[in-house]
């Protein structure tokens, strides 16, 4: 990596008042790539999605730089014995439950493209980050009440009535400039693929701009529509809430009179898939703060904006909780730990200062 063609900054950003170089970001990207492969080696779709998203990788690599800098300041160490034991225990390198030396060498050479020494130091960094996380979260304690709450959140089922405002229904008046479409294509063309679909045919290939133009135009229109939908959804919510409060009308009646289509979703929990909704965990979390038949404020989900009411609940079986308590104790602890780590990382990001835009990372790759 290097500075961009337009002679931009010669460094990535400032970390504790020192300049983080492009070489450092490149090394962090290499380390992150290894970490992603080690974590998702048995989930090929998730692995491909992560490794193909350069802006997300750049953001995670920047975070890796910030965290490793803190590890150094905290003087956390991983000795060689710990390192060797951890590598030999990783499931990627096991065959029939035993570490396979030849397969380890094969994976490093052909899948990771790294020399053993380089891989070992990246693995050591991953262990250092794990130790840092353990140090920062070691004092977290979870009460029985919190564990039960986590259990109820996951297994309680709700039934809702809702109206869904989708961007595709609000794109007719939006026009996308061709330059904006071409800019989107240039940034994302590596993920725009024409699939052959036929055995023995030509292999999958990158789509041209003309082949991608219609889908890009549709995508950008929906993005613009969604931006305008937040104030629209708030206006609709205010209109419906007023009708319900002033005349005692039901959500269904108020929606029908205002011309909005009402839908129902039968009982579901946070772990269920509801094709029409998509973001089930977000909806369940919002529902947990509502009384039955109380109108929710507009909630932004991937599909657009949803306004809903809970029309039924099936509580979790508290007797079954006694058997599953240990499992949910771990989940509750992990959730609290993740929240603390997120807060810690946000604090590091606020102290540091980027000199480049990570979403434009492609500009900084050497041609």
Protein backbone atom coordinates (compact mmCIF):
# COMPACT_ATOMS: atom_id res chain seq x y z
CA UNK A 1 0.00 0.00 0.00
CA UNK A 2 1.08 3.59 -0.50
CA UNK A 3 -0.19 7.13 -0.54
CA UNK A 4 -2.93 7.75 -3.12
CA UNK A 5 -2.27 8.88 -6.69
CA UNK A 6 -3.48 12.39 -5.86
CA UNK A 7 -0.57 12.83 -3.42
CA UNK A 8 -2.67 12.45 -0.31
CA UNK A 9 -1.25 11.99 3.19
CA UNK A 10 1.82 9.83 3.62
CA UNK A 11 0.41 8.06 6.67
CA UNK A 12 -2.87 6.42 7.70
CA UNK A 13 -3.55 8.28 10.92
CA UNK A 14 -2.37 9.28 14.40
CA UNK A 15 -2.35 6.74 17.24
CA UNK A 16 -1.31 8.21 20.59
CA UNK A 17 0.39 11.07 18.70
CA UNK A 18 2.50 8.78 16.50
CA UNK A 19 1.97 8.35 12.76
CA UNK A 20 0.64 4.93 11.72
CA UNK A 21 2.14 4.15 8.31
CA UNK A 22 0.61 2.40 5.31
CA UNK A 23 2.99 -0.50 6.00
CA UNK A 24 1.43 -0.82 9.46
CA UNK A 25 -2.07 -0.86 7.96
CA UNK A 26 -0.94 -3.42 5.39
CA UNK A 27 0.41 -5.64 8.17
CA UNK A 28 -2.81 -5.19 10.15
CA UNK A 29 -4.81 -6.21 7.05
CA UNK A 30 -2.68 -9.35 6.72
CA UNK A 31 -3.24 -10.16 10.38
CA UNK A 32 -6.94 -9.50 10.09
CA UNK A 33 -7.21 -11.72 7.01
CA UNK A 34 -5.63 -14.59 8.96
CA UNK A 35 -7.95 -13.97 11.92
CA UNK A 36 -11.02 -14.02 9.64
CA UNK A 37 -9.91 -17.28 8.01
CA UNK A 38 -9.24 -18.90 11.38
CA UNK A 39 -12.64 -17.79 12.71
CA UNK A 40 -14.77 -18.55 9.63
CA UNK A 41 -12.93 -21.41 7.86
CA UNK A 42 -16.04 -23.61 8.17
CA UNK A 43 -18.45 -20.85 7.03
CA UNK A 44 -17.42 -20.20 3.40
CA UNK A 45 -20.19 -17.72 2.59
CA UNK A 46 -19.43 -15.51 5.59
CA UNK A 47 -15.70 -15.83 4.85
CA UNK A 48 -16.10 -14.72 1.22
CA UNK A 49 -18.39 -11.83 2.20
CA UNK A 50 -15.89 -10.48 4.73
CA UNK A 51 -12.75 -10.93 2.63
CA UNK A 52 -14.32 -9.24 -0.41
CA UNK A 53 -15.40 -6.10 1.49
CA UNK A 54 -12.29 -3.91 1.45
CA UNK A 55 -13.74 -0.89 3.34
CA UNK A 56 -14.95 -3.12 6.19
CA UNK A 57 -11.57 -4.90 6.30
CA UNK A 58 -9.79 -1.54 6.39
CA UNK A 59 -11.98 -0.37 9.30
CA UNK A 60 -11.30 -3.59 11.23
CA UNK A 61 -7.58 -3.35 10.45
CA UNK A 62 -7.49 0.23 11.79
CA UNK A 63 -9.19 -1.00 14.96
CA UNK A 64 -6.59 -3.78 15.16
CA UNK A 65 -3.81 -1.16 15.07
CA UNK A 66 -5.46 0.79 17.90
CA UNK A 67 -5.97 -2.30 20.06
CA UNK A 68 -2.46 -3.69 19.53
CA UNK A 69 -1.05 -0.30 20.46
CA UNK A 70 -2.94 -0.54 23.77
CA UNK A 71 -1.70 -4.11 24.26
CA UNK A 72 1.87 -2.84 23.96
CA UNK A 73 1.24 -0.05 26.44
CA UNK A 74 -0.29 -2.57 28.87
CA UNK A 75 2.83 -4.78 28.51
CA UNK A 76 0.76 -7.93 27.91
CA UNK A 77 2.84 -10.92 26.77
CA UNK A 78 2.27 -14.33 25.17
CA UNK A 79 5.19 -16.73 25.60
CA UNK A 80 6.24 -19.34 23.03
CA UNK A 81 4.73 -22.23 25.01
CA UNK A 82 1.29 -20.56 25.05
CA UNK A 83 1.60 -19.79 21.35
CA UNK A 84 2.51 -23.36 20.33
CA UNK A 85 -0.24 -24.89 22.46
CA UNK A 86 -2.86 -22.56 20.97
CA UNK A 87 -1.82 -23.24 17.37
CA UNK A 88 -1.74 -27.01 17.94
CA UNK A 89 -5.24 -26.85 19.46
CA UNK A 90 -6.86 -24.83 16.66
CA UNK A 91 -9.54 -26.96 14.89
CA UNK A 92 -8.38 -25.86 11.43
CA UNK A 93 -5.14 -27.83 11.86
CA UNK A 94 -6.59 -30.96 13.47
CA UNK A 95 -7.14 -34.29 11.77
CA UNK A 96 -9.14 -36.81 13.80
CA UNK A 97 -8.63 -34.60 16.84
CA UNK A 98 -4.83 -34.49 16.48
CA UNK A 99 -2.61 -31.66 15.22
CA UNK A 100 -1.40 -32.51 11.69
CA UNK A 101 2.05 -31.02 11.01
CA UNK A 102 1.96 -31.66 7.25
CA UNK A 103 -1.54 -30.22 6.86
CA UNK A 104 -0.48 -27.18 8.92
CA UNK A 105 2.41 -26.52 6.54
CA UNK A 106 0.13 -27.06 3.52
CA UNK A 107 -2.47 -24.56 4.81
CA UNK A 108 0.16 -21.90 5.53
CA UNK A 109 1.73 -22.30 2.12
CA UNK A 110 -1.34 -22.68 -0.11
CA UNK A 111 -4.25 -21.03 1.70
CA UNK A 112 -2.67 -18.30 3.80
CA UNK A 113 0.43 -17.65 1.70
CA UNK A 114 2.58 -17.09 4.78
CA UNK A 115 5.86 -18.33 6.15
CA UNK A 116 5.50 -20.14 9.51
CA UNK A 117 7.32 -17.37 11.40
CA UNK A 118 5.00 -14.66 10.01
CA UNK A 119 1.90 -16.71 10.76
CA UNK A 120 3.07 -17.43 14.30
CA UNK A 121 3.56 -13.73 15.05
CA UNK A 122 0.07 -12.94 13.69
CA UNK A 123 -1.34 -15.74 15.85
CA UNK A 124 0.57 -14.30 18.82
CA UNK A 125 -1.09 -10.91 18.18
CA UNK A 126 -4.50 -12.60 18.18
CA UNK A 127 -3.72 -14.19 21.55
CA UNK A 128 -2.54 -10.83 22.89
CA UNK A 129 -5.86 -9.26 21.88
CA UNK A 130 -7.71 -12.12 23.56
CA UNK A 131 -5.73 -11.57 26.78
CA UNK A 132 -6.49 -7.85 26.61
CA UNK A 133 -10.20 -8.62 26.29
CA UNK A 134 -10.06 -11.00 29.25
CA UNK A 135 -8.29 -8.38 31.37
CA UNK A 136 -10.86 -5.70 30.53
CA UNK A 137 -13.87 -7.93 31.24
CA UNK A 138 -12.63 -10.11 34.11
CA UNK A 139 -14.65 -8.25 36.76
CA UNK A 140 -18.03 -8.61 35.03
CA UNK A 141 -20.55 -10.54 37.09
CA UNK A 142 -24.02 -11.67 36.01
CA UNK A 143 -26.91 -12.05 38.44
CA UNK A 144 -29.51 -14.82 38.26
CA UNK A 145 -32.10 -12.17 37.38
CA UNK A 146 -30.04 -10.98 34.39
CA UNK A 147 -29.58 -14.58 33.19
CA UNK A 148 -33.34 -15.17 33.42
CA UNK A 149 -33.99 -11.93 31.51
CA UNK A 150 -31.62 -13.07 28.74
CA UNK A 151 -33.40 -16.42 28.63
CA UNK A 152 -36.82 -14.78 28.37
CA UNK A 153 -35.63 -12.43 25.62
CA UNK A 154 -34.41 -15.34 23.52
CA UNK A 155 -37.31 -17.75 24.00
CA UNK A 156 -40.35 -15.52 24.50
CA UNK A 157 -42.48 -15.45 21.33
CA UNK A 158 -44.43 -12.44 20.14
CA UNK A 159 -47.15 -11.91 17.56
CA UNK A 160 -47.33 -8.50 15.89
CA UNK A 161 -49.46 -6.43 13.52
CA UNK A 162 -47.46 -3.95 11.47
CA UNK A 163 -47.15 -1.66 8.50
CA UNK A 164 -43.88 -1.80 6.57
CA UNK A 165 -42.65 1.16 4.55
CA UNK A 166 -40.23 -0.13 1.91
CA UNK A 167 -37.85 2.05 -0.15
CA UNK A 168 -38.82 0.31 -3.40
CA UNK A 169 -42.30 1.84 -3.08
CA UNK A 170 -40.89 5.40 -2.95
CA UNK A 171 -38.40 5.47 -5.83
CA UNK A 172 -40.58 6.60 -8.76
CA UNK A 173 -39.59 10.28 -8.51
CA UNK A 174 -35.89 9.71 -7.78
CA UNK A 175 -33.31 10.17 -10.54
CA UNK A 176 -29.73 8.89 -10.27
CA UNK A 177 -26.95 10.72 -12.07
CA UNK A 178 -24.88 8.41 -14.32
CA UNK A 179 -21.67 9.69 -12.73
CA UNK A 180 -22.92 8.52 -9.32
CA UNK A 181 -23.77 5.11 -10.80
CA UNK A 182 -20.34 4.83 -12.40
CA UNK A 183 -18.62 5.85 -9.16
CA UNK A 184 -20.56 3.11 -7.33
CA UNK A 185 -19.52 0.63 -10.02
CA UNK A 186 -15.84 1.59 -9.75
CA UNK A 187 -15.89 1.09 -5.96
CA UNK A 188 -17.81 -2.20 -6.01
CA UNK A 189 -17.07 -3.85 -9.36
CA UNK A 190 -15.13 -6.71 -7.76
CA UNK A 191 -18.39 -7.91 -6.17
CA UNK A 192 -20.55 -7.41 -9.30
CA UNK A 193 -20.37 -10.83 -10.93
CA UNK A 194 -22.04 -12.43 -13.94
CA UNK A 195 -22.53 -16.11 -13.11
CA UNK A 196 -22.32 -18.64 -15.93
CA UNK A 197 -24.92 -20.96 -14.38
CA UNK A 198 -24.13 -23.72 -16.84
CA UNK A 199 -21.85 -26.70 -16.37
CA UNK A 200 -18.89 -26.48 -18.71
CA UNK A 201 -19.71 -22.90 -19.72
CA UNK A 202 -17.39 -19.93 -19.32
CA UNK A 203 -16.48 -19.24 -15.67
CA UNK A 204 -18.09 -16.50 -13.61
CA UNK A 205 -16.77 -13.07 -14.54
CA UNK A 206 -16.89 -9.46 -13.42
CA UNK A 207 -19.89 -7.59 -14.86
CA UNK A 208 -19.36 -4.58 -17.09
CA UNK A 209 -20.82 -1.19 -16.18
CA UNK A 210 -23.56 -1.55 -18.81
CA UNK A 211 -24.53 -4.98 -17.46
CA UNK A 212 -24.67 -3.60 -13.92
CA UNK A 213 -26.26 -0.22 -14.66
CA UNK A 214 -29.92 -1.16 -14.05
CA UNK A 215 -29.27 -2.96 -10.76
CA UNK A 216 -26.98 -0.13 -9.55
CA UNK A 217 -29.62 2.45 -10.47
CA UNK A 218 -32.27 0.49 -8.53
CA UNK A 219 -29.94 0.09 -5.53
CA UNK A 220 -29.01 3.79 -5.39
CA UNK A 221 -32.65 4.86 -5.77
CA UNK A 222 -33.62 2.71 -2.78
CA UNK A 223 -30.76 4.21 -0.72
CA UNK A 224 -31.99 7.73 -1.52
CA UNK A 225 -35.59 6.73 -0.83
CA UNK A 226 -34.66 5.30 2.55
CA UNK A 227 -32.98 8.58 3.54
CA UNK A 228 -36.25 10.42 2.91
CA UNK A 229 -38.34 7.79 4.66
CA UNK A 230 -37.27 8.58 8.23
CA UNK A 231 -39.21 11.87 8.44
CA UNK A 232 -42.03 10.26 6.43
CA UNK A 233 -42.29 7.33 8.87
CA UNK A 234 -42.34 9.75 11.82
CA UNK A 235 -45.14 11.72 10.17
CA UNK A 236 -47.15 8.53 9.60
CA UNK A 237 -46.57 7.43 13.21
CA UNK A 238 -47.80 10.79 14.52
CA UNK A 239 -50.87 10.58 12.29
CA UNK A 240 -51.77 7.06 13.43
CA UNK A 241 -51.02 7.74 17.11
CA UNK A 242 -53.32 10.78 17.00
CA UNK A 243 -56.18 8.79 15.44
CA UNK A 244 -55.78 6.00 18.02
CA UNK A 245 -55.59 8.38 21.00
CA UNK A 246 -58.33 10.81 19.99
CA UNK A 247 -61.01 8.43 18.77
CA UNK A 248 -60.08 5.14 20.40
CA UNK A 249 -59.61 3.47 17.03
CA UNK A 250 -57.55 0.33 16.69
CA UNK A 251 -54.19 0.33 14.90
CA UNK A 252 -55.83 -1.70 12.11
CA UNK A 253 -58.73 0.74 11.68
CA UNK A 254 -56.48 3.81 11.83
CA UNK A 255 -54.09 2.32 9.25
CA UNK A 256 -56.93 1.33 6.93
CA UNK A 257 -58.46 4.82 7.03
CA UNK A 258 -55.04 6.39 6.32
CA UNK A 259 -54.50 4.03 3.36
CA UNK A 260 -51.69 1.88 4.74
CA UNK A 261 -51.66 -1.88 4.33
CA UNK A 262 -51.69 -3.81 7.62
CA UNK A 263 -49.79 -7.11 7.93
CA UNK A 264 -49.53 -9.77 10.63
CA UNK A 265 -46.57 -11.89 11.73
CA UNK A 266 -47.48 -14.99 13.71
CA UNK A 267 -45.61 -15.94 16.89
CA UNK A 268 -41.83 -15.73 16.54
CA UNK A 269 -38.81 -15.43 18.82
CA UNK A 270 -35.45 -13.73 18.40
CA UNK A 271 -34.02 -16.93 16.89
CA UNK A 272 -36.72 -17.38 14.25
CA UNK A 273 -36.61 -16.24 10.64
CA UNK A 274 -39.50 -14.15 9.36
CA UNK A 275 -38.91 -13.58 5.66
CA UNK A 276 -41.21 -10.56 5.41
CA UNK A 277 -39.39 -8.74 8.23
CA UNK A 278 -35.73 -9.77 8.15
CA UNK A 279 -34.34 -7.98 11.21
CA UNK A 280 -36.15 -10.09 13.82
CA UNK A 281 -33.73 -9.42 16.75
CA UNK A 282 -34.19 -5.64 16.39
CA UNK A 283 -37.97 -6.00 16.37
CA UNK A 284 -37.98 -8.33 19.37
CA UNK A 285 -35.73 -5.91 21.30
CA UNK A 286 -38.07 -3.01 20.51
CA UNK A 287 -41.11 -5.12 21.45
CA UNK A 288 -39.62 -5.85 24.88
CA UNK A 289 -40.09 -2.17 25.81
CA UNK A 290 -43.76 -2.04 24.69
CA UNK A 291 -46.99 -2.95 26.41
CA UNK A 292 -49.43 -5.12 24.49
CA UNK A 293 -51.29 -3.12 21.80
CA UNK A 294 -48.99 -0.11 22.32
CA UNK A 295 -47.91 1.48 19.04
CA UNK A 296 -44.18 1.34 18.41
CA UNK A 297 -42.28 4.34 17.14
CA UNK A 298 -40.86 3.86 13.60
CA UNK A 299 -38.04 1.30 13.66
CA UNK A 300 -35.46 1.30 10.87
CA UNK A 301 -34.71 -2.22 9.61
CA UNK A 302 -32.97 -3.46 6.46
CA UNK A 303 -36.25 -3.60 4.55
CA UNK A 304 -37.27 -0.04 5.42
CA UNK A 305 -39.25 1.33 8.40
CA UNK A 306 -41.72 -0.68 10.46
CA UNK A 307 -44.46 0.55 12.82
CA UNK A 308 -46.05 -2.23 14.84
CA UNK A 309 -47.94 -3.34 17.94
CA UNK A 310 -47.61 -6.57 19.93
CA UNK A 311 -50.93 -8.42 19.81
CA UNK A 312 -49.85 -11.59 21.64
CA UNK A 313 -47.07 -13.11 23.70
CA UNK A 314 -46.03 -16.65 24.59
CA UNK A 315 -43.70 -16.51 27.62
CA UNK A 316 -40.58 -18.66 27.92
CA UNK A 317 -40.83 -21.84 29.98
CA UNK A 318 -39.21 -20.90 33.29
CA UNK A 319 -39.07 -24.55 34.37
CA UNK A 320 -36.92 -25.40 31.35
CA UNK A 321 -34.67 -22.49 32.34
CA UNK A 322 -33.33 -24.53 35.27
CA UNK A 323 -31.74 -26.98 32.81
CA UNK A 324 -30.39 -24.29 30.48
CA UNK A 325 -29.21 -21.79 33.09
CA UNK A 326 -25.48 -22.41 32.57
CA UNK A 327 -25.77 -21.95 28.81
CA UNK A 328 -27.63 -18.65 29.19
CA UNK A 329 -25.24 -17.51 31.89
CA UNK A 330 -22.45 -17.76 29.29
CA UNK A 331 -24.54 -15.90 26.72
CA UNK A 332 -25.38 -13.09 29.14
CA UNK A 333 -21.73 -12.79 30.17
CA UNK A 334 -20.57 -12.73 26.56
CA UNK A 335 -23.11 -10.04 25.73
CA UNK A 336 -22.01 -7.82 28.61
CA UNK A 337 -18.35 -8.40 27.71
CA UNK A 338 -18.98 -7.44 24.08
CA UNK A 339 -20.73 -4.24 25.15
CA UNK A 340 -17.77 -3.28 27.35
CA UNK A 341 -15.25 -4.07 24.60
CA UNK A 342 -17.26 -2.03 22.09
CA UNK A 343 -17.20 0.93 24.48
CA UNK A 344 -13.45 0.54 25.00
CA UNK A 345 -12.82 0.42 21.26
CA UNK A 346 -15.02 3.47 20.59
CA UNK A 347 -12.92 5.33 23.16
CA UNK A 348 -9.72 4.40 21.31
CA UNK A 349 -11.23 5.55 18.00
CA UNK A 350 -12.20 8.91 19.49
CA UNK A 351 -8.64 9.50 20.75
CA UNK A 352 -7.02 8.48 17.44
CA UNK A 353 -7.25 10.52 14.23
CA UNK A 354 -7.53 9.12 10.72
CA UNK A 355 -5.73 10.90 7.89
CA UNK A 356 -7.48 8.93 5.12
CA UNK A 357 -11.03 7.78 4.38
CA UNK A 358 -11.24 4.04 4.97
CA UNK A 359 -14.21 3.74 2.61
CA UNK A 360 -11.85 4.91 -0.18
CA UNK A 361 -9.16 2.37 0.68
CA UNK A 362 -8.88 1.20 -2.94
CA UNK A 363 -7.16 4.48 -3.80
CA UNK A 364 -4.25 3.54 -1.56
CA UNK A 365 -3.38 0.18 -3.12
CA UNK A 366 -0.30 0.26 -5.31
CA UNK A 367 -1.15 -0.31 -8.97
